[in-house]
Full PDB file with SEQRES, HELIX, SHEET, SSBOND, CRYST1, ORIGX, SCALE, CONECT and MASTER records, all heavy atoms in Angstrom:
SEQRES   1 A   42  GLN LYS GLU HIS THR ILE SER VAL THR LEU ARG ASN SER          
SEQRES   2 A   42  ASN LYS ILE SER GLN SER VAL THR LEU LYS PRO SER ALA          
SEQRES   3 A   42  PRO GLU VAL VAL LEU TYR PRO GLU SER PRO LEU TYR GLY          
SEQRES   4 A   42  THR GLN SER                                                  
SHEET    1 AA1 2 HIS A   4  ARG A  11  0                                        
SHEET    2 AA1 2 LYS A  15  LEU A  22 -1                                        
SHEET    1 AA2 2 GLU A  34  SER A  35  0                                        
SHEET    2 AA2 2 GLY A  39  THR A  40 -1                                        
CRYST1    1.000    1.000    1.000  90.00  90.00  90.00 P 1           1          
ORIGX1      1.000000  0.000000  0.000000        0.00000                         
ORIGX2      0.000000  1.000000  0.000000        0.00000                         
ORIGX3      0.000000  0.000000  1.000000        0.00000                         
SCALE1      1.000000  0.000000  0.000000        0.00000                         
SCALE2      0.000000  1.000000  0.000000        0.00000                         
SCALE3      0.000000  0.000000  1.000000        0.00000                         
ATOM      1  N   GLN A   1       0.398  14.344   3.253  1.00  0.00           N  
ATOM      2  CA  GLN A   1       1.289  13.526   3.926  1.00  0.00           C  
ATOM      3  C   GLN A   1       0.601  13.050   5.241  1.00  0.00           C  
ATOM      4  O   GLN A   1       1.203  12.568   6.144  1.00  0.00           O  
ATOM      5  CB  GLN A   1       2.566  14.171   4.159  1.00  0.00           C  
ATOM      6  CG  GLN A   1       3.473  14.301   2.809  1.00  0.00           C  
ATOM      7  CD  GLN A   1       4.795  14.964   3.156  1.00  0.00           C  
ATOM      8  OE1 GLN A   1       4.956  16.006   3.695  1.00  0.00           O  
ATOM      9  NE2 GLN A   1       5.929  14.217   2.740  1.00  0.00           N  
ATOM     10  N   LYS A   2      -0.644  13.239   5.401  1.00  0.00           N  
ATOM     11  CA  LYS A   2      -1.341  12.902   6.796  1.00  0.00           C  
ATOM     12  C   LYS A   2      -1.794  11.521   6.609  1.00  0.00           C  
ATOM     13  O   LYS A   2      -2.027  10.935   5.584  1.00  0.00           O  
ATOM     14  CB  LYS A   2      -2.539  13.872   6.856  1.00  0.00           C  
ATOM     15  CG  LYS A   2      -2.256  15.329   7.149  1.00  0.00           C  
ATOM     16  CD  LYS A   2      -3.435  16.209   7.059  1.00  0.00           C  
ATOM     17  CE  LYS A   2      -4.587  15.664   8.029  1.00  0.00           C  
ATOM     18  NZ  LYS A   2      -5.746  16.483   8.074  1.00  0.00           N  
ATOM     19  N   GLU A   3      -2.071  10.927   7.839  1.00  0.00           N  
ATOM     20  CA  GLU A   3      -2.712   9.659   7.859  1.00  0.00           C  
ATOM     21  C   GLU A   3      -4.142   9.790   7.711  1.00  0.00           C  
ATOM     22  O   GLU A   3      -4.653  10.857   7.989  1.00  0.00           O  
ATOM     23  CB  GLU A   3      -2.410   9.078   9.309  1.00  0.00           C  
ATOM     24  CG  GLU A   3      -1.041   8.698   9.537  1.00  0.00           C  
ATOM     25  CD  GLU A   3      -0.840   8.040  10.952  1.00  0.00           C  
ATOM     26  OE1 GLU A   3      -1.866   7.770  11.652  1.00  0.00           O  
ATOM     27  OE2 GLU A   3       0.302   7.658  11.320  1.00  0.00           O  
ATOM     28  N   HIS A   4      -4.780   8.697   7.058  1.00  0.00           N  
ATOM     29  CA  HIS A   4      -6.251   8.800   6.904  1.00  0.00           C  
ATOM     30  C   HIS A   4      -6.845   7.470   7.346  1.00  0.00           C  
ATOM     31  O   HIS A   4      -6.183   6.295   7.051  1.00  0.00           O  
ATOM     32  CB  HIS A   4      -6.528   9.017   5.388  1.00  0.00           C  
ATOM     33  CG  HIS A   4      -6.072  10.285   4.857  1.00  0.00           C  
ATOM     34  ND1 HIS A   4      -6.773  11.592   5.050  1.00  0.00           N  
ATOM     35  CD2 HIS A   4      -4.914  10.576   4.134  1.00  0.00           C  
ATOM     36  CE1 HIS A   4      -6.098  12.457   4.514  1.00  0.00           C  
ATOM     37  NE2 HIS A   4      -5.004  12.041   3.959  1.00  0.00           N  
ATOM     38  N   THR A   5      -7.916   7.508   8.171  1.00  0.00           N  
ATOM     39  CA  THR A   5      -8.586   6.181   8.534  1.00  0.00           C  
ATOM     40  C   THR A   5      -9.701   6.037   7.769  1.00  0.00           C  
ATOM     41  O   THR A   5     -10.597   7.079   7.749  1.00  0.00           O  
ATOM     42  CB  THR A   5      -8.802   6.307  10.062  1.00  0.00           C  
ATOM     43  OG1 THR A   5      -7.647   6.392  10.822  1.00  0.00           O  
ATOM     44  CG2 THR A   5      -9.476   5.000  10.524  1.00  0.00           C  
ATOM     45  N   ILE A   6      -9.927   4.967   7.105  1.00  0.00           N  
ATOM     46  CA  ILE A   6     -11.114   4.793   6.288  1.00  0.00           C  
ATOM     47  C   ILE A   6     -11.852   3.498   6.936  1.00  0.00           C  
ATOM     48  O   ILE A   6     -11.179   2.486   7.264  1.00  0.00           O  
ATOM     49  CB  ILE A   6     -10.691   4.387   4.911  1.00  0.00           C  
ATOM     50  CG1 ILE A   6      -9.917   5.657   4.370  1.00  0.00           C  
ATOM     51  CG2 ILE A   6     -11.937   4.126   4.018  1.00  0.00           C  
ATOM     52  CD1 ILE A   6      -9.449   5.348   2.960  1.00  0.00           C  
ATOM     53  N   SER A   7     -13.181   3.745   7.078  1.00  0.00           N  
ATOM     54  CA  SER A   7     -13.906   2.652   7.740  1.00  0.00           C  
ATOM     55  C   SER A   7     -15.051   2.333   6.820  1.00  0.00           C  
ATOM     56  O   SER A   7     -15.551   3.106   6.089  1.00  0.00           O  
ATOM     57  CB  SER A   7     -14.367   3.033   9.194  1.00  0.00           C  
ATOM     58  OG  SER A   7     -15.366   4.062   9.082  1.00  0.00           O  
ATOM     59  N   VAL A   8     -15.614   1.116   6.993  1.00  0.00           N  
ATOM     60  CA  VAL A   8     -16.762   0.588   6.334  1.00  0.00           C  
ATOM     61  C   VAL A   8     -17.647  -0.137   7.365  1.00  0.00           C  
ATOM     62  O   VAL A   8     -17.253  -0.693   8.195  1.00  0.00           O  
ATOM     63  CB  VAL A   8     -16.516  -0.261   5.134  1.00  0.00           C  
ATOM     64  CG1 VAL A   8     -15.836  -1.528   5.614  1.00  0.00           C  
ATOM     65  CG2 VAL A   8     -17.777  -0.601   4.331  1.00  0.00           C  
ATOM     66  N   THR A   9     -19.065   0.188   7.268  1.00  0.00           N  
ATOM     67  CA  THR A   9     -19.935  -0.366   8.188  1.00  0.00           C  
ATOM     68  C   THR A   9     -21.067  -1.022   7.324  1.00  0.00           C  
ATOM     69  O   THR A   9     -21.627  -0.545   6.441  1.00  0.00           O  
ATOM     70  CB  THR A   9     -20.564   0.686   9.120  1.00  0.00           C  
ATOM     71  OG1 THR A   9     -19.470   1.354   9.836  1.00  0.00           O  
ATOM     72  CG2 THR A   9     -21.648   0.112  10.087  1.00  0.00           C  
ATOM     73  N   LEU A  10     -21.282  -2.198   7.777  1.00  0.00           N  
ATOM     74  CA  LEU A  10     -22.456  -2.972   7.116  1.00  0.00           C  
ATOM     75  C   LEU A  10     -23.745  -2.991   8.011  1.00  0.00           C  
ATOM     76  O   LEU A  10     -23.591  -3.109   9.207  1.00  0.00           O  
ATOM     77  CB  LEU A  10     -22.074  -4.568   6.959  1.00  0.00           C  
ATOM     78  CG  LEU A  10     -21.176  -5.017   5.802  1.00  0.00           C  
ATOM     79  CD1 LEU A  10     -19.753  -4.208   5.796  1.00  0.00           C  
ATOM     80  CD2 LEU A  10     -20.887  -6.452   5.800  1.00  0.00           C  
ATOM     81  N   ARG A  11     -24.822  -2.851   7.356  1.00  0.00           N  
ATOM     82  CA  ARG A  11     -26.036  -2.616   8.086  1.00  0.00           C  
ATOM     83  C   ARG A  11     -26.995  -3.761   7.612  1.00  0.00           C  
ATOM     84  O   ARG A  11     -27.701  -3.398   6.550  1.00  0.00           O  
ATOM     85  CB  ARG A  11     -26.648  -1.290   7.933  1.00  0.00           C  
ATOM     86  CG  ARG A  11     -27.898  -1.117   8.768  1.00  0.00           C  
ATOM     87  CD  ARG A  11     -28.343   0.390   8.703  1.00  0.00           C  
ATOM     88  NE  ARG A  11     -29.585   0.531   9.687  1.00  0.00           N  
ATOM     89  CZ  ARG A  11     -30.137   1.777   9.873  1.00  0.00           C  
ATOM     90  NH1 ARG A  11     -29.583   2.857   9.245  1.00  0.00           N  
ATOM     91  NH2 ARG A  11     -31.222   1.845  10.569  1.00  0.00           N  
ATOM     92  N   ASN A  12     -27.023  -4.801   8.335  1.00  0.00           N  
ATOM     93  CA  ASN A  12     -28.144  -5.821   8.121  1.00  0.00           C  
ATOM     94  C   ASN A  12     -28.950  -5.824   9.420  1.00  0.00           C  
ATOM     95  O   ASN A  12     -29.448  -4.996   9.759  1.00  0.00           O  
ATOM     96  CB  ASN A  12     -27.432  -7.177   7.808  1.00  0.00           C  
ATOM     97  CG  ASN A  12     -26.724  -7.096   6.408  1.00  0.00           C  
ATOM     98  OD1 ASN A  12     -27.292  -6.381   5.502  1.00  0.00           O  
ATOM     99  ND2 ASN A  12     -25.707  -7.832   6.146  1.00  0.00           N  
ATOM    100  N   SER A  13     -28.905  -6.934  10.017  1.00  0.00           N  
ATOM    101  CA  SER A  13     -29.564  -6.997  11.253  1.00  0.00           C  
ATOM    102  C   SER A  13     -28.759  -6.479  12.397  1.00  0.00           C  
ATOM    103  O   SER A  13     -29.170  -6.116  13.330  1.00  0.00           O  
ATOM    104  CB  SER A  13     -30.006  -8.480  11.637  1.00  0.00           C  
ATOM    105  OG  SER A  13     -28.837  -9.311  11.559  1.00  0.00           O  
ATOM    106  N   ASN A  14     -27.430  -6.476  12.178  1.00  0.00           N  
ATOM    107  CA  ASN A  14     -26.575  -5.987  13.061  1.00  0.00           C  
ATOM    108  C   ASN A  14     -25.468  -5.060  12.319  1.00  0.00           C  
ATOM    109  O   ASN A  14     -25.265  -5.182  11.083  1.00  0.00           O  
ATOM    110  CB  ASN A  14     -25.807  -6.961  13.823  1.00  0.00           C  
ATOM    111  CG  ASN A  14     -26.645  -7.897  14.676  1.00  0.00           C  
ATOM    112  OD1 ASN A  14     -27.162  -7.432  15.694  1.00  0.00           O  
ATOM    113  ND2 ASN A  14     -26.991  -9.029  14.174  1.00  0.00           N  
ATOM    114  N   LYS A  15     -24.814  -4.150  13.011  1.00  0.00           N  
ATOM    115  CA  LYS A  15     -23.829  -3.276  12.304  1.00  0.00           C  
ATOM    116  C   LYS A  15     -22.520  -3.928  12.526  1.00  0.00           C  
ATOM    117  O   LYS A  15     -22.131  -3.941  13.714  1.00  0.00           O  
ATOM    118  CB  LYS A  15     -23.835  -1.900  12.908  1.00  0.00           C  
ATOM    119  CG  LYS A  15     -25.197  -1.108  12.448  1.00  0.00           C  
ATOM    120  CD  LYS A  15     -25.115   0.303  12.946  1.00  0.00           C  
ATOM    121  CE  LYS A  15     -26.326   1.072  12.391  1.00  0.00           C  
ATOM    122  NZ  LYS A  15     -26.302   2.536  12.895  1.00  0.00           N  
ATOM    123  N   ILE A  16     -21.847  -4.192  11.503  1.00  0.00           N  
ATOM    124  CA  ILE A  16     -20.393  -4.774  11.585  1.00  0.00           C  
ATOM    125  C   ILE A  16     -19.525  -3.723  10.937  1.00  0.00           C  
ATOM    126  O   ILE A  16     -19.751  -3.257   9.782  1.00  0.00           O  
ATOM    127  CB  ILE A  16     -20.318  -6.150  10.760  1.00  0.00           C  
ATOM    128  CG1 ILE A  16     -21.311  -7.100  11.228  1.00  0.00           C  
ATOM    129  CG2 ILE A  16     -18.988  -6.667  10.959  1.00  0.00           C  
ATOM    130  CD1 ILE A  16     -21.232  -7.461  12.688  1.00  0.00           C  
ATOM    131  N   SER A  17     -18.487  -3.364  11.588  1.00  0.00           N  
ATOM    132  CA  SER A  17     -17.487  -2.422  11.064  1.00  0.00           C  
ATOM    133  C   SER A  17     -16.015  -2.909  10.898  1.00  0.00           C  
ATOM    134  O   SER A  17     -15.698  -3.778  11.644  1.00  0.00           O  
ATOM    135  CB  SER A  17     -17.536  -1.219  11.894  1.00  0.00           C  
ATOM    136  OG  SER A  17     -18.851  -0.501  11.871  1.00  0.00           O  
ATOM    137  N   GLN A  18     -15.337  -2.303  10.029  1.00  0.00           N  
ATOM    138  CA  GLN A  18     -13.901  -2.640   9.868  1.00  0.00           C  
ATOM    139  C   GLN A  18     -13.210  -1.259   9.352  1.00  0.00           C  
ATOM    140  O   GLN A  18     -13.877  -0.452   8.706  1.00  0.00           O  
ATOM    141  CB  GLN A  18     -13.714  -3.771   8.837  1.00  0.00           C  
ATOM    142  CG  GLN A  18     -12.347  -4.262   8.775  1.00  0.00           C  
ATOM    143  CD  GLN A  18     -11.760  -4.872  10.053  1.00  0.00           C  
ATOM    144  OE1 GLN A  18     -11.153  -4.173  10.792  1.00  0.00           O  
ATOM    145  NE2 GLN A  18     -11.974  -6.153  10.292  1.00  0.00           N  
ATOM    146  N   SER A  19     -11.917  -1.078   9.836  1.00  0.00           N  
ATOM    147  CA  SER A  19     -11.293   0.129   9.322  1.00  0.00           C  
ATOM    148  C   SER A  19      -9.755  -0.196   9.050  1.00  0.00           C  
ATOM    149  O   SER A  19      -9.277  -1.111   9.524  1.00  0.00           O  
ATOM    150  CB  SER A  19     -11.488   1.170  10.605  1.00  0.00           C  
ATOM    151  OG  SER A  19     -10.732   0.852  11.703  1.00  0.00           O  
ATOM    152  N   VAL A  20      -9.181   0.678   8.315  1.00  0.00           N  
ATOM    153  CA  VAL A  20      -7.755   0.628   8.074  1.00  0.00           C  
ATOM    154  C   VAL A  20      -7.297   2.093   8.077  1.00  0.00           C  
ATOM    155  O   VAL A  20      -7.949   3.020   7.672  1.00  0.00           O  
ATOM    156  CB  VAL A  20      -7.513   0.088   6.725  1.00  0.00           C  
ATOM    157  CG1 VAL A  20      -8.083   0.779   5.587  1.00  0.00           C  
ATOM    158  CG2 VAL A  20      -6.070  -0.210   6.482  1.00  0.00           C  
ATOM    159  N   THR A  21      -6.029   2.154   8.650  1.00  0.00           N  
ATOM    160  CA  THR A  21      -5.381   3.592   8.697  1.00  0.00           C  
ATOM    161  C   THR A  21      -4.301   3.454   7.766  1.00  0.00           C  
ATOM    162  O   THR A  21      -3.314   2.715   7.668  1.00  0.00           O  
ATOM    163  CB  THR A  21      -4.801   3.799  10.063  1.00  0.00           C  
ATOM    164  OG1 THR A  21      -5.878   3.891  11.029  1.00  0.00           O  
ATOM    165  CG2 THR A  21      -4.010   5.126  10.023  1.00  0.00           C  
ATOM    166  N   LEU A  22      -4.263   4.409   6.636  1.00  0.00           N  
ATOM    167  CA  LEU A  22      -3.342   4.479   5.567  1.00  0.00           C  
ATOM    168  C   LEU A  22      -2.275   5.471   6.043  1.00  0.00           C  
ATOM    169  O   LEU A  22      -2.601   6.808   6.288  1.00  0.00           O  
ATOM    170  CB  LEU A  22      -3.921   5.025   4.378  1.00  0.00           C  
ATOM    171  CG  LEU A  22      -5.111   4.090   3.785  1.00  0.00           C  
ATOM    172  CD1 LEU A  22      -5.697   4.775   2.547  1.00  0.00           C  
ATOM    173  CD2 LEU A  22      -4.465   2.802   3.457  1.00  0.00           C  
ATOM    174  N   LYS A  23      -1.055   5.017   6.260  1.00  0.00           N  
ATOM    175  CA  LYS A  23       0.070   5.783   6.606  1.00  0.00           C  
ATOM    176  C   LYS A  23       0.916   6.086   5.418  1.00  0.00           C  
ATOM    177  O   LYS A  23       1.455   5.157   4.759  1.00  0.00           O  
ATOM    178  CB  LYS A  23       0.917   5.085   7.665  1.00  0.00           C  
ATOM    179  CG  LYS A  23       0.130   4.875   8.930  1.00  0.00           C  
ATOM    180  CD  LYS A  23       0.917   4.144  10.026  1.00  0.00           C  
ATOM    181  CE  LYS A  23       0.189   3.912  11.275  1.00  0.00           C  
ATOM    182  NZ  LYS A  23       1.042   3.231  12.421  1.00  0.00           N  
ATOM    183  N   PRO A  24       1.096   7.450   5.034  1.00  0.00           N  
ATOM    184  CA  PRO A  24       1.842   7.636   3.697  1.00  0.00           C  
ATOM    185  C   PRO A  24       3.309   7.223   3.931  1.00  0.00           C  
ATOM    186  O   PRO A  24       3.986   7.475   4.882  1.00  0.00           O  
ATOM    187  CB  PRO A  24       1.630   9.194   3.579  1.00  0.00           C  
ATOM    188  CG  PRO A  24       1.296   9.742   4.881  1.00  0.00           C  
ATOM    189  CD  PRO A  24       0.616   8.617   5.714  1.00  0.00           C  
ATOM    190  N   SER A  25       3.832   6.705   2.697  1.00  0.00           N  
ATOM    191  CA  SER A  25       5.097   6.262   2.731  1.00  0.00           C  
ATOM    192  C   SER A  25       5.869   7.281   1.526  1.00  0.00           C  
ATOM    193  O   SER A  25       5.159   7.749   0.791  1.00  0.00           O  
ATOM    194  CB  SER A  25       5.285   4.865   2.190  1.00  0.00           C  
ATOM    195  OG  SER A  25       4.784   4.003   3.080  1.00  0.00           O  
ATOM    196  N   ALA A  26       7.089   7.245   1.656  1.00  0.00           N  
ATOM    197  CA  ALA A  26       7.793   7.977   0.617  1.00  0.00           C  
ATOM    198  C   ALA A  26       8.201   7.096  -0.494  1.00  0.00           C  
ATOM    199  O   ALA A  26       8.574   5.854  -0.276  1.00  0.00           O  
ATOM    200  CB  ALA A  26       9.166   8.716   1.215  1.00  0.00           C  
ATOM    201  N   PRO A  27       8.312   7.464  -1.741  1.00  0.00           N  
ATOM    202  CA  PRO A  27       8.612   6.713  -2.912  1.00  0.00           C  
ATOM    203  C   PRO A  27      10.211   6.341  -2.723  1.00  0.00           C  
ATOM    204  O   PRO A  27      10.903   7.096  -1.916  1.00  0.00           O  
ATOM    205  CB  PRO A  27       8.350   7.548  -4.008  1.00  0.00           C  
ATOM    206  CG  PRO A  27       8.323   8.986  -3.510  1.00  0.00           C  
ATOM    207  CD  PRO A  27       7.777   8.933  -2.143  1.00  0.00           C  
ATOM    208  N   GLU A  28      10.662   5.347  -3.352  1.00  0.00           N  
ATOM    209  CA  GLU A  28      11.943   4.966  -3.283  1.00  0.00           C  
ATOM    210  C   GLU A  28      12.623   4.667  -4.642  1.00  0.00           C  
ATOM    211  O   GLU A  28      11.831   4.619  -5.663  1.00  0.00           O  
ATOM    212  CB  GLU A  28      12.139   3.598  -2.495  1.00  0.00           C  
ATOM    213  CG  GLU A  28      11.684   3.783  -1.068  1.00  0.00           C  
ATOM    214  CD  GLU A  28      11.660   2.400  -0.278  1.00  0.00           C  
ATOM    215  OE1 GLU A  28      12.241   1.516  -0.862  1.00  0.00           O  
ATOM    216  OE2 GLU A  28      11.201   2.519   1.029  1.00  0.00           O  
ATOM    217  N   VAL A  29      13.814   4.619  -4.792  1.00  0.00           N  
ATOM    218  CA  VAL A  29      14.605   4.228  -5.920  1.00  0.00           C  
ATOM    219  C   VAL A  29      15.548   3.297  -5.629  1.00  0.00           C  
ATOM    220  O   VAL A  29      16.280   3.371  -4.626  1.00  0.00           O  
ATOM    221  CB  VAL A  29      15.098   5.458  -6.710  1.00  0.00           C  
ATOM    222  CG1 VAL A  29      16.105   6.085  -5.985  1.00  0.00           C  
ATOM    223  CG2 VAL A  29      15.634   4.985  -8.064  1.00  0.00           C  
ATOM    224  N   VAL A  30      15.813   2.149  -6.268  1.00  0.00           N  
ATOM    225  CA  VAL A  30      16.696   1.114  -6.092  1.00  0.00           C  
ATOM    226  C   VAL A  30      17.748   0.966  -7.335  1.00  0.00           C  
ATOM    227  O   VAL A  30      17.178   0.960  -8.535  1.00  0.00           O  
ATOM    228  CB  VAL A  30      16.111  -0.184  -5.706  1.00  0.00           C  
ATOM    229  CG1 VAL A  30      17.335  -1.197  -5.422  1.00  0.00           C  
ATOM    230  CG2 VAL A  30      15.252  -0.035  -4.552  1.00  0.00           C  
ATOM    231  N   LEU A  31      18.959   0.927  -7.194  1.00  0.00           N  
ATOM    232  CA  LEU A  31      19.987   0.748  -8.199  1.00  0.00           C  
ATOM    233  C   LEU A  31      20.306  -0.723  -8.345  1.00  0.00           C  
ATOM    234  O   LEU A  31      20.587  -1.388  -7.382  1.00  0.00           O  
ATOM    235  CB  LEU A  31      21.251   1.550  -7.874  1.00  0.00           C  
ATOM    236  CG  LEU A  31      21.076   3.110  -7.700  1.00  0.00           C  
ATOM    237  CD1 LEU A  31      22.325   3.701  -7.292  1.00  0.00           C  
ATOM    238  CD2 LEU A  31      20.507   3.600  -8.981  1.00  0.00           C  
ATOM    239  N   TYR A  32      20.313  -1.219  -9.613  1.00  0.00           N  
ATOM    240  CA  TYR A  32      20.641  -2.536 -10.003  1.00  0.00           C  
ATOM    241  C   TYR A  32      21.716  -2.718 -11.161  1.00  0.00           C  
ATOM    242  O   TYR A  32      21.591  -1.728 -12.020  1.00  0.00           O  
ATOM    243  CB  TYR A  32      19.364  -3.363 -10.388  1.00  0.00           C  
ATOM    244  CG  TYR A  32      18.215  -3.524  -9.421  1.00  0.00           C  
ATOM    245  CD1 TYR A  32      17.181  -2.705  -9.449  1.00  0.00           C  
ATOM    246  CD2 TYR A  32      18.321  -4.304  -8.357  1.00  0.00           C  
ATOM    247  CE1 TYR A  32      16.227  -2.714  -8.562  1.00  0.00           C  
ATOM    248  CE2 TYR A  32      17.309  -4.399  -7.444  1.00  0.00           C  
ATOM    249  CZ  TYR A  32      16.234  -3.612  -7.547  1.00  0.00           C  
ATOM    250  OH  TYR A  32      15.175  -3.746  -6.722  1.00  0.00           O  
ATOM    251  N   PRO A  33      22.527  -3.647 -11.109  1.00  0.00           N  
ATOM    252  CA  PRO A  33      23.394  -3.800 -12.230  1.00  0.00           C  
ATOM    253  C   PRO A  33      22.486  -4.334 -13.465  1.00  0.00           C  
ATOM    254  O   PRO A  33      21.645  -5.028 -13.278  1.00  0.00           O  
ATOM    255  CB  PRO A  33      24.506  -4.852 -11.855  1.00  0.00           C  
ATOM    256  CG  PRO A  33      23.708  -5.721 -10.797  1.00  0.00           C  
ATOM    257  CD  PRO A  33      22.767  -4.630  -9.974  1.00  0.00           C  
ATOM    258  N   GLU A  34      22.943  -3.974 -14.619  1.00  0.00           N  
ATOM    259  CA  GLU A  34      22.194  -4.490 -15.800  1.00  0.00           C  
ATOM    260  C   GLU A  34      23.231  -5.285 -16.746  1.00  0.00           C  
ATOM    261  O   GLU A  34      24.227  -4.686 -17.035  1.00  0.00           O  
ATOM    262  CB  GLU A  34      21.652  -3.283 -16.635  1.00  0.00           C  
ATOM    263  CG  GLU A  34      20.857  -3.784 -17.752  1.00  0.00           C  
ATOM    264  CD  GLU A  34      19.602  -2.813 -17.982  1.00  0.00           C  
ATOM    265  OE1 GLU A  34      18.674  -2.702 -17.203  1.00  0.00           O  
ATOM    266  OE2 GLU A  34      19.682  -2.141 -19.064  1.00  0.00           O  
ATOM    267  N   SER A  35      22.719  -6.354 -17.065  1.00  0.00           N  
ATOM    268  CA  SER A  35      23.506  -7.223 -18.052  1.00  0.00           C  
ATOM    269  C   SER A  35      23.038  -7.255 -19.420  1.00  0.00           C  
ATOM    270  O   SER A  35      21.795  -7.128 -19.597  1.00  0.00           O  
ATOM    271  CB  SER A  35      23.438  -8.636 -17.539  1.00  0.00           C  
ATOM    272  OG  SER A  35      23.980  -9.573 -18.471  1.00  0.00           O  
ATOM    273  N   PRO A  36      24.011  -7.250 -20.434  1.00  0.00           N  
ATOM    274  CA  PRO A  36      23.563  -7.079 -21.814  1.00  0.00           C  
ATOM    275  C   PRO A  36      22.707  -8.443 -22.177  1.00  0.00           C  
ATOM    276  O   PRO A  36      21.897  -8.417 -23.057  1.00  0.00           O  
ATOM    277  CB  PRO A  36      24.927  -7.190 -22.584  1.00  0.00           C  
ATOM    278  CG  PRO A  36      25.868  -6.558 -21.680  1.00  0.00           C  
ATOM    279  CD  PRO A  36      25.388  -6.982 -20.293  1.00  0.00           C  
ATOM    280  N   LEU A  37      23.031  -9.554 -21.444  1.00  0.00           N  
ATOM    281  CA  LEU A  37      22.309 -10.796 -21.781  1.00  0.00           C  
ATOM    282  C   LEU A  37      20.983 -10.981 -20.903  1.00  0.00           C  
ATOM    283  O   LEU A  37      20.028 -11.497 -21.434  1.00  0.00           O  
ATOM    284  CB  LEU A  37      23.283 -11.989 -21.490  1.00  0.00           C  
ATOM    285  CG  LEU A  37      24.478 -12.023 -22.445  1.00  0.00           C  
ATOM    286  CD1 LEU A  37      25.385 -13.259 -21.897  1.00  0.00           C  
ATOM    287  CD2 LEU A  37      23.982 -12.288 -23.819  1.00  0.00           C  
ATOM    288  N   TYR A  38      21.110 -10.637 -19.666  1.00  0.00           N  
ATOM    289  CA  TYR A  38      19.970 -10.917 -18.787  1.00  0.00           C  
ATOM    290  C   TYR A  38      19.146  -9.757 -18.238  1.00  0.00           C  
ATOM    291  O   TYR A  38      18.153  -9.851 -17.601  1.00  0.00           O  
ATOM    292  CB  TYR A  38      20.420 -11.694 -17.484  1.00  0.00           C  
ATOM    293  CG  TYR A  38      21.291 -12.953 -17.790  1.00  0.00           C  
ATOM    294  CD1 TYR A  38      22.794 -12.789 -17.678  1.00  0.00           C  
ATOM    295  CD2 TYR A  38      20.789 -14.013 -18.372  1.00  0.00           C  
ATOM    296  CE1 TYR A  38      23.440 -13.994 -17.945  1.00  0.00           C  
ATOM    297  CE2 TYR A  38      21.513 -15.158 -18.561  1.00  0.00           C  
ATOM    298  CZ  TYR A  38      22.841 -15.081 -18.512  1.00  0.00           C  
ATOM    299  OH  TYR A  38      23.567 -16.196 -18.744  1.00  0.00           O  
ATOM    300  N   GLY A  39      19.441  -8.542 -18.701  1.00  0.00           N  
ATOM    301  CA  GLY A  39      18.731  -7.468 -18.432  1.00  0.00           C  
ATOM    302  C   GLY A  39      19.007  -6.999 -17.049  1.00  0.00           C  
ATOM    303  O   GLY A  39      20.104  -7.289 -16.397  1.00  0.00           O  
ATOM    304  N   THR A  40      18.044  -6.294 -16.415  1.00  0.00           N  
ATOM    305  CA  THR A  40      18.162  -5.768 -15.015  1.00  0.00           C  
ATOM    306  C   THR A  40      18.228  -7.002 -14.105  1.00  0.00           C  
ATOM    307  O   THR A  40      17.313  -7.910 -13.980  1.00  0.00           O  
ATOM    308  CB  THR A  40      16.932  -4.911 -14.559  1.00  0.00           C  
ATOM    309  OG1 THR A  40      16.861  -3.745 -15.606  1.00  0.00           O  
ATOM    310  CG2 THR A  40      17.181  -4.307 -13.324  1.00  0.00           C  
ATOM    311  N   GLN A  41      19.271  -6.977 -13.228  1.00  0.00           N  
ATOM    312  CA  GLN A  41      19.507  -8.094 -12.320  1.00  0.00           C  
ATOM    313  C   GLN A  41      18.874  -7.705 -10.970  1.00  0.00           C  
ATOM    314  O   GLN A  41      19.540  -7.292 -10.015  1.00  0.00           O  
ATOM    315  CB  GLN A  41      20.911  -8.451 -12.112  1.00  0.00           C  
ATOM    316  CG  GLN A  41      21.569  -8.952 -13.512  1.00  0.00           C  
ATOM    317  CD  GLN A  41      23.072  -9.267 -13.354  1.00  0.00           C  
ATOM    318  OE1 GLN A  41      23.880  -8.364 -13.359  1.00  0.00           O  
ATOM    319  NE2 GLN A  41      23.262 -10.593 -13.238  1.00  0.00           N  
ATOM    320  N   SER A  42      17.529  -7.850 -10.814  1.00  0.00           N  
ATOM    321  CA  SER A  42      16.848  -7.312  -9.695  1.00  0.00           C  
ATOM    322  C   SER A  42      17.030  -8.098  -8.328  1.00  0.00           C  
ATOM    323  O   SER A  42      16.715  -7.704  -7.377  1.00  0.00           O  
ATOM    324  CB  SER A  42      15.442  -7.469 -10.015  1.00  0.00           C  
ATOM    325  OG  SER A  42      14.871  -8.647 -10.246  1.00  0.00           O  
TER     326      SER A  42                                                      
MASTER        0    0    0    0    4    0    0    6  325    1    0    4          
END                                                                             
């Protein structure tokens, strides 16, 4: 459940970097009505 920072560096004539921090989320569940004709009404 920790955050993780992932970075990438390009090495050509110059070094170019970019990074992203992944923040963990909790899974979810959503309740929907279900119709015999139309299925799950999302």
